[in-house]
Protein backbone atom coordinates (compact mmCIF):
# COMPACT_ATOMS: atom_id res chain seq x y z
CA MET A 1 29.03 64.26 70.59
CA PRO A 2 29.59 62.68 67.39
CA ALA A 3 33.17 61.98 66.68
CA LEU A 4 33.57 64.09 63.50
CA PHE A 5 32.50 67.41 65.14
CA THR A 6 35.16 66.23 68.00
CA ASP A 7 37.88 65.57 65.34
CA LEU A 8 37.03 68.92 63.34
CA ALA A 9 37.23 71.19 67.30
CA LEU A 10 40.33 69.02 67.84
CA PHE A 11 41.86 70.17 64.11
CA ALA A 12 40.61 73.89 64.30
CA ASP A 13 41.98 73.77 68.02
CA THR A 14 45.69 72.55 66.55
CA PHE A 15 45.32 75.09 63.32
CA VAL A 16 44.84 77.87 65.47
CA THR A 17 47.66 76.80 68.20
CA LYS A 18 50.27 75.88 65.36
CA PHE A 19 49.80 78.91 62.90
CA ALA A 20 48.76 82.11 64.79
CA PRO A 21 51.84 83.31 65.31
CA ALA A 22 52.21 83.13 61.50
CA ILE A 23 49.04 85.21 60.64
CA PRO A 24 50.64 88.71 61.26
CA PHE A 25 53.93 87.47 58.71
CA LEU A 26 51.29 86.72 56.08
CA VAL A 27 49.09 89.26 56.58
CA LEU A 28 52.23 91.54 56.02
CA PHE A 29 53.89 89.71 53.03
CA VAL A 30 50.01 90.00 51.43
CA SER A 31 50.39 93.57 52.50
CA TYR A 32 53.48 94.38 50.90
CA TYR A 33 53.03 92.53 47.51
CA PHE A 34 49.16 94.52 46.57
CA PHE A 35 50.81 98.28 48.07
CA PHE A 36 54.50 97.90 47.01
CA TYR A 37 55.78 94.81 44.78
CA ARG A 38 52.82 94.59 42.39
CA PRO A 39 51.94 98.58 41.34
CA GLN A 40 56.06 98.35 40.75
CA LYS A 41 55.96 95.97 38.49
CA GLN A 42 53.29 97.08 36.63
CA ALA A 43 55.11 100.80 36.16
CA GLU A 44 58.01 98.58 34.89
CA LEU A 45 55.70 97.54 32.16
CA ARG A 46 53.48 100.55 31.09
CA PHE A 47 57.66 102.16 30.80
CA LYS A 48 58.99 99.23 28.69
CA HIS A 49 55.91 99.21 26.35
CA ALA A 50 56.17 103.19 26.04
CA LEU A 51 59.75 102.75 25.32
CA VAL A 52 57.94 100.15 22.57
CA MET A 53 56.21 103.41 21.63
CA VAL A 54 59.08 105.47 20.86
CA THR A 55 59.31 107.86 18.05
CA ILE A 56 61.40 110.20 16.31
CA GLY A 57 61.18 113.88 17.65
CA GLN A 58 60.07 112.73 20.94
CA ARG A 59 61.68 114.59 24.00
CA VAL A 60 63.43 112.42 26.24
CA ILE A 61 64.96 112.83 29.87
CA THR A 62 68.23 109.89 30.38
CA ARG A 63 69.20 109.23 33.92
CA GLY A 64 72.33 110.91 33.69
CA GLY A 65 69.50 114.24 33.80
CA VAL A 66 70.09 115.31 29.74
CA VAL A 67 67.59 116.27 27.95
CA GLY A 68 67.22 115.97 24.80
CA VAL A 69 65.53 115.04 21.07
CA ILE A 70 65.43 111.76 19.51
CA VAL A 71 66.50 111.61 15.92
CA GLU A 72 67.33 108.51 15.29
CA ILE A 73 66.30 104.82 16.33
CA LEU A 74 68.76 102.11 16.12
CA PRO A 75 67.95 98.74 17.56
CA ASN A 76 69.75 98.68 21.14
CA SER A 77 69.96 102.46 21.35
CA PHE A 78 68.66 106.40 20.51
CA VAL A 79 70.62 108.59 19.22
CA ILE A 80 69.09 112.17 20.65
CA GLU A 81 69.82 115.72 20.29
CA LEU A 82 71.04 117.81 23.12
CA TYR A 83 71.57 121.31 21.06
CA ASP A 84 72.21 122.86 17.77
CA GLY A 85 73.54 119.86 16.77
CA ALA A 86 75.26 118.18 19.12
CA LYS A 87 73.67 114.49 18.86
CA MET A 88 74.44 111.49 21.98
CA GLU A 89 73.62 107.75 21.24
CA ILE A 90 72.52 106.11 24.80
CA ILE A 91 70.93 102.90 25.07
CA LYS A 92 67.38 102.60 25.63
CA GLU A 93 67.73 101.70 29.49
CA GLY A 94 69.44 105.21 29.68
CA ILE A 95 66.16 106.34 29.08
CA ALA A 96 64.51 108.00 32.35
CA THR A 97 60.94 110.12 31.42
CA LEU A 98 59.18 110.60 28.43
CA LEU A 99 58.36 114.17 28.00
CA HIS A 100 54.67 114.67 25.83
CA GLU A 101 54.48 118.42 25.17
């Protein structure tokens, strides 16, 4: 038998015995990335893009559960009207949901 095949067989046997216990962890980490981490990051990017595209008159829900209409856009915050002229300034990160009606 040629030496190349003997060395290759020895390498394969050594590789399998050393790294076989790590394969389930590798599968776990890869599946975690594709099923949890990556979709969450994509959702965050979509929401950040949506915050950039916010317009005056759009209804929003804040992280505190307050519903209002955007009446003014400032560099780092929004001014929303809650009801009958009551206004509140919130930071951009305080928006939880954009309502499309």
